[in-house]
Full PDB file with SEQRES, HELIX, SHEET, SSBOND, CRYST1, ORIGX, SCALE, CONECT and MASTER records, all heavy atoms in Angstrom:
SEQRES   1 A   35  ARG LYS PRO HIS ILE ARG TYR LYS ASN ASN LEU LYS ALA          
SEQRES   2 A   35  ILE VAL ASN SER LEU GLU ASP GLU LEU ILE VAL ILE ASP          
SEQRES   3 A   35  ARG ASP TYR ARG ILE ILE GLN ALA ASN                          
HELIX    1 AA1 LYS A    2  SER A   17  1                                  16    
SHEET    1 AA1 2 ILE A  23  ILE A  25  0                                        
SHEET    2 AA1 2 ILE A  31  ALA A  34 -1                                        
CRYST1    1.000    1.000    1.000  90.00  90.00  90.00 P 1           1          
ORIGX1      1.000000  0.000000  0.000000        0.00000                         
ORIGX2      0.000000  1.000000  0.000000        0.00000                         
ORIGX3      0.000000  0.000000  1.000000        0.00000                         
SCALE1      1.000000  0.000000  0.000000        0.00000                         
SCALE2      0.000000  1.000000  0.000000        0.00000                         
SCALE3      0.000000  0.000000  1.000000        0.00000                         
ATOM      1  N   ARG A   1     -33.717  -9.321  -2.513  1.00  0.00           N  
ATOM      2  CA  ARG A   1     -32.312  -8.963  -2.320  1.00  0.00           C  
ATOM      3  C   ARG A   1     -31.542  -8.904  -3.632  1.00  0.00           C  
ATOM      4  O   ARG A   1     -30.458  -8.337  -3.680  1.00  0.00           O  
ATOM      5  CB  ARG A   1     -31.634  -9.964  -1.384  1.00  0.00           C  
ATOM      6  CG  ARG A   1     -32.113  -9.888   0.060  1.00  0.00           C  
ATOM      7  CD  ARG A   1     -31.334 -10.826   0.942  1.00  0.00           C  
ATOM      8  NE  ARG A   1     -29.919 -10.494   0.954  1.00  0.00           N  
ATOM      9  CZ  ARG A   1     -28.998 -11.222   1.589  1.00  0.00           C  
ATOM     10  NH1 ARG A   1     -29.340 -12.321   2.228  1.00  0.00           N  
ATOM     11  NH2 ARG A   1     -27.724 -10.861   1.562  1.00  0.00           N  
ATOM     12  N   LYS A   2     -32.093  -9.485  -4.667  1.00  0.00           N  
ATOM     13  CA  LYS A   2     -31.378  -9.536  -5.938  1.00  0.00           C  
ATOM     14  C   LYS A   2     -31.013  -8.156  -6.474  1.00  0.00           C  
ATOM     15  O   LYS A   2     -29.883  -7.938  -6.910  1.00  0.00           O  
ATOM     16  CB  LYS A   2     -32.195 -10.316  -6.963  1.00  0.00           C  
ATOM     17  CG  LYS A   2     -32.107 -11.825  -6.772  1.00  0.00           C  
ATOM     18  CD  LYS A   2     -32.846 -12.568  -7.871  1.00  0.00           C  
ATOM     19  CE  LYS A   2     -32.705 -14.078  -7.684  1.00  0.00           C  
ATOM     20  NZ  LYS A   2     -33.420 -14.825  -8.749  1.00  0.00           N  
ATOM     21  N   PRO A   3     -31.956  -7.184  -6.485  1.00  0.00           N  
ATOM     22  CA  PRO A   3     -31.575  -5.837  -6.964  1.00  0.00           C  
ATOM     23  C   PRO A   3     -30.451  -5.229  -6.148  1.00  0.00           C  
ATOM     24  O   PRO A   3     -29.556  -4.579  -6.696  1.00  0.00           O  
ATOM     25  CB  PRO A   3     -32.872  -5.045  -6.813  1.00  0.00           C  
ATOM     26  CG  PRO A   3     -33.954  -6.063  -6.855  1.00  0.00           C  
ATOM     27  CD  PRO A   3     -33.389  -7.270  -6.180  1.00  0.00           C  
ATOM     28  N   HIS A   4     -30.478  -5.464  -4.817  1.00  0.00           N  
ATOM     29  CA  HIS A   4     -29.428  -4.926  -3.948  1.00  0.00           C  
ATOM     30  C   HIS A   4     -28.085  -5.563  -4.272  1.00  0.00           C  
ATOM     31  O   HIS A   4     -27.051  -4.880  -4.335  1.00  0.00           O  
ATOM     32  CB  HIS A   4     -29.787  -5.180  -2.488  1.00  0.00           C  
ATOM     33  CG  HIS A   4     -28.696  -4.801  -1.521  1.00  0.00           C  
ATOM     34  ND1 HIS A   4     -28.376  -3.498  -1.239  1.00  0.00           N  
ATOM     35  CD2 HIS A   4     -27.833  -5.571  -0.801  1.00  0.00           C  
ATOM     36  CE1 HIS A   4     -27.374  -3.469  -0.379  1.00  0.00           C  
ATOM     37  NE2 HIS A   4     -27.025  -4.704  -0.094  1.00  0.00           N  
ATOM     38  N   ILE A   5     -28.094  -6.887  -4.512  1.00  0.00           N  
ATOM     39  CA  ILE A   5     -26.850  -7.591  -4.831  1.00  0.00           C  
ATOM     40  C   ILE A   5     -26.306  -7.127  -6.179  1.00  0.00           C  
ATOM     41  O   ILE A   5     -25.104  -6.909  -6.340  1.00  0.00           O  
ATOM     42  CB  ILE A   5     -27.097  -9.113  -4.836  1.00  0.00           C  
ATOM     43  CG1 ILE A   5     -27.446  -9.596  -3.423  1.00  0.00           C  
ATOM     44  CG2 ILE A   5     -25.859  -9.844  -5.357  1.00  0.00           C  
ATOM     45  CD1 ILE A   5     -27.843 -11.050  -3.356  1.00  0.00           C  
ATOM     46  N   ARG A   6     -27.220  -6.956  -7.151  1.00  0.00           N  
ATOM     47  CA  ARG A   6     -26.791  -6.483  -8.470  1.00  0.00           C  
ATOM     48  C   ARG A   6     -26.201  -5.077  -8.372  1.00  0.00           C  
ATOM     49  O   ARG A   6     -25.181  -4.773  -8.992  1.00  0.00           O  
ATOM     50  CB  ARG A   6     -27.975  -6.487  -9.444  1.00  0.00           C  
ATOM     51  CG  ARG A   6     -28.329  -7.866  -9.965  1.00  0.00           C  
ATOM     52  CD  ARG A   6     -29.205  -7.772 -11.196  1.00  0.00           C  
ATOM     53  NE  ARG A   6     -30.466  -7.128 -10.893  1.00  0.00           N  
ATOM     54  CZ  ARG A   6     -31.567  -7.789 -10.530  1.00  0.00           C  
ATOM     55  NH1 ARG A   6     -31.550  -9.101 -10.424  1.00  0.00           N  
ATOM     56  NH2 ARG A   6     -32.679  -7.140 -10.289  1.00  0.00           N  
ATOM     57  N   TYR A   7     -26.850  -4.228  -7.576  1.00  0.00           N  
ATOM     58  CA  TYR A   7     -26.353  -2.861  -7.391  1.00  0.00           C  
ATOM     59  C   TYR A   7     -24.970  -2.874  -6.746  1.00  0.00           C  
ATOM     60  O   TYR A   7     -24.063  -2.153  -7.183  1.00  0.00           O  
ATOM     61  CB  TYR A   7     -27.328  -2.076  -6.513  1.00  0.00           C  
ATOM     62  CG  TYR A   7     -26.825  -0.714  -6.097  1.00  0.00           C  
ATOM     63  CD1 TYR A   7     -26.870   0.365  -6.974  1.00  0.00           C  
ATOM     64  CD2 TYR A   7     -26.292  -0.512  -4.825  1.00  0.00           C  
ATOM     65  CE1 TYR A   7     -26.398   1.614  -6.598  1.00  0.00           C  
ATOM     66  CE2 TYR A   7     -25.814   0.728  -4.444  1.00  0.00           C  
ATOM     67  CZ  TYR A   7     -25.875   1.786  -5.335  1.00  0.00           C  
ATOM     68  OH  TYR A   7     -25.402   3.017  -4.960  1.00  0.00           O  
ATOM     69  N   LYS A   8     -24.802  -3.724  -5.733  1.00  0.00           N  
ATOM     70  CA  LYS A   8     -23.518  -3.814  -5.035  1.00  0.00           C  
ATOM     71  C   LYS A   8     -22.424  -4.305  -5.973  1.00  0.00           C  
ATOM     72  O   LYS A   8     -21.303  -3.775  -5.983  1.00  0.00           O  
ATOM     73  CB  LYS A   8     -23.658  -4.745  -3.835  1.00  0.00           C  
ATOM     74  CG  LYS A   8     -22.410  -4.833  -2.966  1.00  0.00           C  
ATOM     75  CD  LYS A   8     -22.659  -5.717  -1.754  1.00  0.00           C  
ATOM     76  CE  LYS A   8     -21.404  -5.802  -0.887  1.00  0.00           C  
ATOM     77  NZ  LYS A   8     -21.632  -6.672   0.303  1.00  0.00           N  
ATOM     78  N   ASN A   9     -22.750  -5.320  -6.785  1.00  0.00           N  
ATOM     79  CA  ASN A   9     -21.766  -5.860  -7.725  1.00  0.00           C  
ATOM     80  C   ASN A   9     -21.411  -4.848  -8.805  1.00  0.00           C  
ATOM     81  O   ASN A   9     -20.245  -4.732  -9.207  1.00  0.00           O  
ATOM     82  CB  ASN A   9     -22.298  -7.137  -8.358  1.00  0.00           C  
ATOM     83  CG  ASN A   9     -22.365  -8.302  -7.376  1.00  0.00           C  
ATOM     84  OD1 ASN A   9     -21.668  -8.308  -6.361  1.00  0.00           O  
ATOM     85  ND2 ASN A   9     -23.218  -9.267  -7.660  1.00  0.00           N  
ATOM     86  N   ASN A  10     -22.421  -4.115  -9.289  1.00  0.00           N  
ATOM     87  CA  ASN A  10     -22.172  -3.090 -10.309  1.00  0.00           C  
ATOM     88  C   ASN A  10     -21.304  -1.969  -9.751  1.00  0.00           C  
ATOM     89  O   ASN A  10     -20.395  -1.477 -10.431  1.00  0.00           O  
ATOM     90  CB  ASN A  10     -23.491  -2.512 -10.819  1.00  0.00           C  
ATOM     91  CG  ASN A  10     -24.258  -3.496 -11.673  1.00  0.00           C  
ATOM     92  OD1 ASN A  10     -23.686  -4.441 -12.200  1.00  0.00           O  
ATOM     93  ND2 ASN A  10     -25.560  -3.283 -11.800  1.00  0.00           N  
ATOM     94  N   LEU A  11     -21.586  -1.572  -8.509  1.00  0.00           N  
ATOM     95  CA  LEU A  11     -20.797  -0.507  -7.873  1.00  0.00           C  
ATOM     96  C   LEU A  11     -19.354  -0.960  -7.692  1.00  0.00           C  
ATOM     97  O   LEU A  11     -18.416  -0.186  -7.950  1.00  0.00           O  
ATOM     98  CB  LEU A  11     -21.411  -0.143  -6.524  1.00  0.00           C  
ATOM     99  CG  LEU A  11     -20.728   0.982  -5.738  1.00  0.00           C  
ATOM    100  CD1 LEU A  11     -20.746   2.281  -6.548  1.00  0.00           C  
ATOM    101  CD2 LEU A  11     -21.404   1.197  -4.391  1.00  0.00           C  
ATOM    102  N   LYS A  12     -19.160  -2.204  -7.297  1.00  0.00           N  
ATOM    103  CA  LYS A  12     -17.811  -2.742  -7.111  1.00  0.00           C  
ATOM    104  C   LYS A  12     -17.060  -2.774  -8.435  1.00  0.00           C  
ATOM    105  O   LYS A  12     -15.873  -2.436  -8.509  1.00  0.00           O  
ATOM    106  CB  LYS A  12     -17.896  -4.146  -6.511  1.00  0.00           C  
ATOM    107  CG  LYS A  12     -16.547  -4.769  -6.205  1.00  0.00           C  
ATOM    108  CD  LYS A  12     -16.728  -6.135  -5.564  1.00  0.00           C  
ATOM    109  CE  LYS A  12     -15.370  -6.766  -5.256  1.00  0.00           C  
ATOM    110  NZ  LYS A  12     -15.532  -8.107  -4.631  1.00  0.00           N  
ATOM    111  N   ALA A  13     -17.770  -3.165  -9.507  1.00  0.00           N  
ATOM    112  CA  ALA A  13     -17.144  -3.218 -10.829  1.00  0.00           C  
ATOM    113  C   ALA A  13     -16.736  -1.834 -11.304  1.00  0.00           C  
ATOM    114  O   ALA A  13     -15.673  -1.651 -11.897  1.00  0.00           O  
ATOM    115  CB  ALA A  13     -18.113  -3.852 -11.829  1.00  0.00           C  
ATOM    116  N   ILE A  14     -17.587  -0.836 -11.033  1.00  0.00           N  
ATOM    117  CA  ILE A  14     -17.278   0.544 -11.423  1.00  0.00           C  
ATOM    118  C   ILE A  14     -16.046   1.052 -10.683  1.00  0.00           C  
ATOM    119  O   ILE A  14     -15.137   1.642 -11.278  1.00  0.00           O  
ATOM    120  CB  ILE A  14     -18.487   1.463 -11.149  1.00  0.00           C  
ATOM    121  CG1 ILE A  14     -19.641   1.112 -12.098  1.00  0.00           C  
ATOM    122  CG2 ILE A  14     -18.102   2.931 -11.310  1.00  0.00           C  
ATOM    123  CD1 ILE A  14     -20.940   1.817 -11.768  1.00  0.00           C  
ATOM    124  N   VAL A  15     -16.004   0.817  -9.379  1.00  0.00           N  
ATOM    125  CA  VAL A  15     -14.876   1.279  -8.554  1.00  0.00           C  
ATOM    126  C   VAL A  15     -13.579   0.620  -9.000  1.00  0.00           C  
ATOM    127  O   VAL A  15     -12.529   1.260  -9.088  1.00  0.00           O  
ATOM    128  CB  VAL A  15     -15.155   0.994  -7.062  1.00  0.00           C  
ATOM    129  CG1 VAL A  15     -13.892   1.212  -6.232  1.00  0.00           C  
ATOM    130  CG2 VAL A  15     -16.274   1.888  -6.548  1.00  0.00           C  
ATOM    131  N   ASN A  16     -13.638  -0.676  -9.317  1.00  0.00           N  
ATOM    132  CA  ASN A  16     -12.430  -1.390  -9.722  1.00  0.00           C  
ATOM    133  C   ASN A  16     -12.012  -1.083 -11.156  1.00  0.00           C  
ATOM    134  O   ASN A  16     -10.905  -1.422 -11.564  1.00  0.00           O  
ATOM    135  CB  ASN A  16     -12.633  -2.897  -9.554  1.00  0.00           C  
ATOM    136  CG  ASN A  16     -12.552  -3.332  -8.109  1.00  0.00           C  
ATOM    137  OD1 ASN A  16     -11.843  -2.726  -7.307  1.00  0.00           O  
ATOM    138  ND2 ASN A  16     -13.290  -4.370  -7.763  1.00  0.00           N  
ATOM    139  N   SER A  17     -12.900  -0.449 -11.924  1.00  0.00           N  
ATOM    140  CA  SER A  17     -12.548  -0.077 -13.294  1.00  0.00           C  
ATOM    141  C   SER A  17     -11.712   1.197 -13.348  1.00  0.00           C  
ATOM    142  O   SER A  17     -11.125   1.518 -14.377  1.00  0.00           O  
ATOM    143  CB  SER A  17     -13.818   0.114 -14.131  1.00  0.00           C  
ATOM    144  OG  SER A  17     -14.517   1.289 -13.734  1.00  0.00           O  
ATOM    145  N   LEU A  18     -11.658   1.923 -12.227  1.00  0.00           N  
ATOM    146  CA  LEU A  18     -10.915   3.178 -12.182  1.00  0.00           C  
ATOM    147  C   LEU A  18      -9.407   2.922 -12.262  1.00  0.00           C  
ATOM    148  O   LEU A  18      -8.889   2.014 -11.612  1.00  0.00           O  
ATOM    149  CB  LEU A  18     -11.222   3.943 -10.889  1.00  0.00           C  
ATOM    150  CG  LEU A  18     -12.674   4.382 -10.665  1.00  0.00           C  
ATOM    151  CD1 LEU A  18     -12.825   4.997  -9.279  1.00  0.00           C  
ATOM    152  CD2 LEU A  18     -13.102   5.382 -11.733  1.00  0.00           C  
ATOM    153  N   GLU A  19      -8.714   3.751 -13.031  1.00  0.00           N  
ATOM    154  CA  GLU A  19      -7.251   3.687 -13.053  1.00  0.00           C  
ATOM    155  C   GLU A  19      -6.667   4.393 -11.842  1.00  0.00           C  
ATOM    156  O   GLU A  19      -5.541   4.107 -11.432  1.00  0.00           O  
ATOM    157  CB  GLU A  19      -6.718   4.321 -14.333  1.00  0.00           C  
ATOM    158  CG  GLU A  19      -7.026   3.518 -15.591  1.00  0.00           C  
ATOM    159  CD  GLU A  19      -6.365   4.108 -16.811  1.00  0.00           C  
ATOM    160  OE1 GLU A  19      -5.653   5.126 -16.671  1.00  0.00           O  
ATOM    161  OE2 GLU A  19      -6.553   3.555 -17.910  1.00  0.00           O  
ATOM    162  N   ASP A  20      -7.414   5.329 -11.281  1.00  0.00           N  
ATOM    163  CA  ASP A  20      -6.973   6.049 -10.092  1.00  0.00           C  
ATOM    164  C   ASP A  20      -7.194   5.184  -8.850  1.00  0.00           C  
ATOM    165  O   ASP A  20      -8.124   4.373  -8.802  1.00  0.00           O  
ATOM    166  CB  ASP A  20      -7.737   7.366  -9.935  1.00  0.00           C  
ATOM    167  CG  ASP A  20      -7.489   8.312 -11.090  1.00  0.00           C  
ATOM    168  OD1 ASP A  20      -6.413   8.217 -11.711  1.00  0.00           O  
ATOM    169  OD2 ASP A  20      -8.365   9.141 -11.379  1.00  0.00           O  
ATOM    170  N   GLU A  21      -6.344   5.402  -7.866  1.00  0.00           N  
ATOM    171  CA  GLU A  21      -6.495   4.672  -6.609  1.00  0.00           C  
ATOM    172  C   GLU A  21      -7.651   5.255  -5.798  1.00  0.00           C  
ATOM    173  O   GLU A  21      -7.808   6.474  -5.702  1.00  0.00           O  
ATOM    174  CB  GLU A  21      -5.217   4.783  -5.780  1.00  0.00           C  
ATOM    175  CG  GLU A  21      -3.989   4.220  -6.460  1.00  0.00           C  
ATOM    176  CD  GLU A  21      -2.726   4.608  -5.725  1.00  0.00           C  
ATOM    177  OE1 GLU A  21      -2.691   4.489  -4.490  1.00  0.00           O  
ATOM    178  OE2 GLU A  21      -1.777   5.050  -6.391  1.00  0.00           O  
ATOM    179  N   LEU A  22      -8.450   4.379  -5.218  1.00  0.00           N  
ATOM    180  CA  LEU A  22      -9.557   4.796  -4.367  1.00  0.00           C  
ATOM    181  C   LEU A  22      -9.547   3.965  -3.092  1.00  0.00           C  
ATOM    182  O   LEU A  22      -9.601   2.737  -3.149  1.00  0.00           O  
ATOM    183  CB  LEU A  22     -10.898   4.621  -5.088  1.00  0.00           C  
ATOM    184  CG  LEU A  22     -12.144   5.032  -4.284  1.00  0.00           C  
ATOM    185  CD1 LEU A  22     -12.130   6.538  -4.026  1.00  0.00           C  
ATOM    186  CD2 LEU A  22     -13.417   4.644  -5.017  1.00  0.00           C  
ATOM    187  N   ILE A  23      -9.431   4.644  -1.958  1.00  0.00           N  
ATOM    188  CA  ILE A  23      -9.485   3.955  -0.673  1.00  0.00           C  
ATOM    189  C   ILE A  23     -10.480   4.662   0.235  1.00  0.00           C  
ATOM    190  O   ILE A  23     -10.759   5.853   0.058  1.00  0.00           O  
ATOM    191  CB  ILE A  23      -8.097   3.879   0.012  1.00  0.00           C  
ATOM    192  CG1 ILE A  23      -7.537   5.291   0.271  1.00  0.00           C  
ATOM    193  CG2 ILE A  23      -7.122   3.059  -0.807  1.00  0.00           C  
ATOM    194  CD1 ILE A  23      -6.223   5.278   1.044  1.00  0.00           C  
ATOM    195  N   VAL A  24     -11.010   3.906   1.192  1.00  0.00           N  
ATOM    196  CA  VAL A  24     -11.938   4.450   2.184  1.00  0.00           C  
ATOM    197  C   VAL A  24     -11.293   4.297   3.548  1.00  0.00           C  
ATOM    198  O   VAL A  24     -10.784   3.213   3.889  1.00  0.00           O  
ATOM    199  CB  VAL A  24     -13.297   3.722   2.144  1.00  0.00           C  
ATOM    200  CG1 VAL A  24     -14.260   4.351   3.154  1.00  0.00           C  
ATOM    201  CG2 VAL A  24     -13.897   3.779   0.739  1.00  0.00           C  
ATOM    202  N   ILE A  25     -11.310   5.370   4.330  1.00  0.00           N  
ATOM    203  CA  ILE A  25     -10.587   5.409   5.601  1.00  0.00           C  
ATOM    204  C   ILE A  25     -11.544   5.799   6.728  1.00  0.00           C  
ATOM    205  O   ILE A  25     -12.365   6.716   6.561  1.00  0.00           O  
ATOM    206  CB  ILE A  25      -9.417   6.410   5.524  1.00  0.00           C  
ATOM    207  CG1 ILE A  25      -8.490   6.014   4.367  1.00  0.00           C  
ATOM    208  CG2 ILE A  25      -8.645   6.463   6.831  1.00  0.00           C  
ATOM    209  CD1 ILE A  25      -7.470   7.061   4.017  1.00  0.00           C  
ATOM    210  N   ASP A  26     -11.436   5.113   7.863  1.00  0.00           N  
ATOM    211  CA  ASP A  26     -12.323   5.417   8.983  1.00  0.00           C  
ATOM    212  C   ASP A  26     -11.730   6.493   9.886  1.00  0.00           C  
ATOM    213  O   ASP A  26     -10.649   7.036   9.601  1.00  0.00           O  
ATOM    214  CB  ASP A  26     -12.669   4.154   9.779  1.00  0.00           C  
ATOM    215  CG  ASP A  26     -11.459   3.540  10.487  1.00  0.00           C  
ATOM    216  OD1 ASP A  26     -10.409   4.209  10.590  1.00  0.00           O  
ATOM    217  OD2 ASP A  26     -11.562   2.387  10.933  1.00  0.00           O  
ATOM    218  N   ARG A  27     -12.423   6.780  10.980  1.00  0.00           N  
ATOM    219  CA  ARG A  27     -12.001   7.867  11.865  1.00  0.00           C  
ATOM    220  C   ARG A  27     -10.679   7.575  12.569  1.00  0.00           C  
ATOM    221  O   ARG A  27      -9.995   8.487  13.029  1.00  0.00           O  
ATOM    222  CB  ARG A  27     -13.098   8.147  12.907  1.00  0.00           C  
ATOM    223  CG  ARG A  27     -12.856   9.391  13.738  1.00  0.00           C  
ATOM    224  CD  ARG A  27     -14.056   9.741  14.584  1.00  0.00           C  
ATOM    225  NE  ARG A  27     -15.114  10.324  13.789  1.00  0.00           N  
ATOM    226  CZ  ARG A  27     -15.169  11.617  13.456  1.00  0.00           C  
ATOM    227  NH1 ARG A  27     -14.194  12.432  13.831  1.00  0.00           N  
ATOM    228  NH2 ARG A  27     -16.176  12.081  12.759  1.00  0.00           N  
ATOM    229  N   ASP A  28     -10.310   6.315  12.649  1.00  0.00           N  
ATOM    230  CA  ASP A  28      -9.035   5.944  13.277  1.00  0.00           C  
ATOM    231  C   ASP A  28      -7.889   5.943  12.264  1.00  0.00           C  
ATOM    232  O   ASP A  28      -6.799   5.462  12.568  1.00  0.00           O  
ATOM    233  CB  ASP A  28      -9.146   4.559  13.916  1.00  0.00           C  
ATOM    234  CG  ASP A  28     -10.122   4.549  15.091  1.00  0.00           C  
ATOM    235  OD1 ASP A  28     -10.189   5.559  15.810  1.00  0.00           O  
ATOM    236  OD2 ASP A  28     -10.826   3.532  15.261  1.00  0.00           O  
ATOM    237  N   TYR A  29      -8.190   6.420  11.046  1.00  0.00           N  
ATOM    238  CA  TYR A  29      -7.202   6.502   9.964  1.00  0.00           C  
ATOM    239  C   TYR A  29      -6.754   5.122   9.486  1.00  0.00           C  
ATOM    240  O   TYR A  29      -5.642   4.946   9.016  1.00  0.00           O  
ATOM    241  CB  TYR A  29      -5.994   7.345  10.390  1.00  0.00           C  
ATOM    242  CG  TYR A  29      -6.354   8.770  10.679  1.00  0.00           C  
ATOM    243  CD1 TYR A  29      -6.699   9.179  11.969  1.00  0.00           C  
ATOM    244  CD2 TYR A  29      -6.397   9.733   9.667  1.00  0.00           C  
ATOM    245  CE1 TYR A  29      -7.061  10.494  12.236  1.00  0.00           C  
ATOM    246  CE2 TYR A  29      -6.757  11.045   9.922  1.00  0.00           C  
ATOM    247  CZ  TYR A  29      -7.088  11.424  11.207  1.00  0.00           C  
ATOM    248  OH  TYR A  29      -7.455  12.716  11.475  1.00  0.00           O  
ATOM    249  N   ARG A  30      -7.657   4.155   9.616  1.00  0.00           N  
ATOM    250  CA  ARG A  30      -7.403   2.822   9.090  1.00  0.00           C  
ATOM    251  C   ARG A  30      -8.144   2.636   7.766  1.00  0.00           C  
ATOM    252  O   ARG A  30      -9.269   3.106   7.609  1.00  0.00           O  
ATOM    253  CB  ARG A  30      -7.847   1.739  10.081  1.00  0.00           C  
ATOM    254  CG  ARG A  30      -6.992   1.682  11.345  1.00  0.00           C  
ATOM    255  CD  ARG A  30      -7.448   0.537  12.245  1.00  0.00           C  
ATOM    256  NE  ARG A  30      -6.679   0.465  13.484  1.00  0.00           N  
ATOM    257  CZ  ARG A  30      -5.538  -0.191  13.642  1.00  0.00           C  
ATOM    258  NH1 ARG A  30      -5.027  -0.858  12.617  1.00  0.00           N  
ATOM    259  NH2 ARG A  30      -4.917  -0.204  14.805  1.00  0.00           N  
ATOM    260  N   ILE A  31      -7.519   1.944   6.836  1.00  0.00           N  
ATOM    261  CA  ILE A  31      -8.131   1.694   5.534  1.00  0.00           C  
ATOM    262  C   ILE A  31      -9.163   0.574   5.675  1.00  0.00           C  
ATOM    263  O   ILE A  31      -8.850  -0.503   6.166  1.00  0.00           O  
ATOM    264  CB  ILE A  31      -7.062   1.293   4.501  1.00  0.00           C  
ATOM    265  CG1 ILE A  31      -6.041   2.432   4.338  1.00  0.00           C  
ATOM    266  CG2 ILE A  31      -7.701   0.953   3.159  1.00  0.00           C  
ATOM    267  CD1 ILE A  31      -4.849   2.067   3.489  1.00  0.00           C  
ATOM    268  N   ILE A  32     -10.404   0.852   5.236  1.00  0.00           N  
ATOM    269  CA  ILE A  32     -11.460  -0.149   5.356  1.00  0.00           C  
ATOM    270  C   ILE A  32     -11.913  -0.679   3.990  1.00  0.00           C  
ATOM    271  O   ILE A  32     -12.571  -1.708   3.918  1.00  0.00           O  
ATOM    272  CB  ILE A  32     -12.675   0.399   6.144  1.00  0.00           C  
ATOM    273  CG1 ILE A  32     -13.220   1.670   5.491  1.00  0.00           C  
ATOM    274  CG2 ILE A  32     -12.288   0.674   7.588  1.00  0.00           C  
ATOM    275  CD1 ILE A  32     -14.460   2.235   6.180  1.00  0.00           C  
ATOM    276  N   GLN A  33     -11.549   0.021   2.912  1.00  0.00           N  
ATOM    277  CA  GLN A  33     -11.834  -0.458   1.561  1.00  0.00           C  
ATOM    278  C   GLN A  33     -10.757   0.066   0.622  1.00  0.00           C  
ATOM    279  O   GLN A  33     -10.187   1.129   0.852  1.00  0.00           O  
ATOM    280  CB  GLN A  33     -13.213   0.011   1.070  1.00  0.00           C  
ATOM    281  CG  GLN A  33     -14.391  -0.665   1.743  1.00  0.00           C  
ATOM    282  CD  GLN A  33     -14.515  -2.130   1.415  1.00  0.00           C  
ATOM    283  OE1 GLN A  33     -13.941  -2.597   0.426  1.00  0.00           O  
ATOM    284  NE2 GLN A  33     -15.239  -2.881   2.241  1.00  0.00           N  
ATOM    285  N   ALA A  34     -10.498  -0.682  -0.441  1.00  0.00           N  
ATOM    286  CA  ALA A  34      -9.501  -0.262  -1.438  1.00  0.00           C  
ATOM    287  C   ALA A  34      -9.862  -0.903  -2.771  1.00  0.00           C  
ATOM    288  O   ALA A  34     -10.269  -2.062  -2.816  1.00  0.00           O  
ATOM    289  CB  ALA A  34      -8.100  -0.669  -1.014  1.00  0.00           C  
ATOM    290  N   ASN A  35      -9.716  -0.144  -3.859  1.00  0.00           N  
ATOM    291  CA  ASN A  35     -10.015  -0.721  -5.174  1.00  0.00           C  
ATOM    292  C   ASN A  35      -8.794  -1.459  -5.730  1.00  0.00           C  
ATOM    293  O   ASN A  35      -7.712  -1.446  -5.144  1.00  0.00           O  
ATOM    294  CB  ASN A  35     -10.538   0.346  -6.139  1.00  0.00           C  
ATOM    295  CG  ASN A  35      -9.453   1.338  -6.554  1.00  0.00           C  
ATOM    296  OD1 ASN A  35      -8.372   1.400  -5.953  1.00  0.00           O  
ATOM    297  ND2 ASN A  35      -9.730   2.121  -7.572  1.00  0.00           N  
TER     298      ASN A  35                                                      
MASTER        0    0    0    1    2    0    0    6  297    1    0    3          
END                                                                             
């Protein structure tokens, strides 16, 4: 699981490094993730 955890942490760090806003929205138009 370590490679998966490292990948997840790296992806989170990349997303949070963005100056632009990034959100993920489901089919009900609810926000499920945000940087």
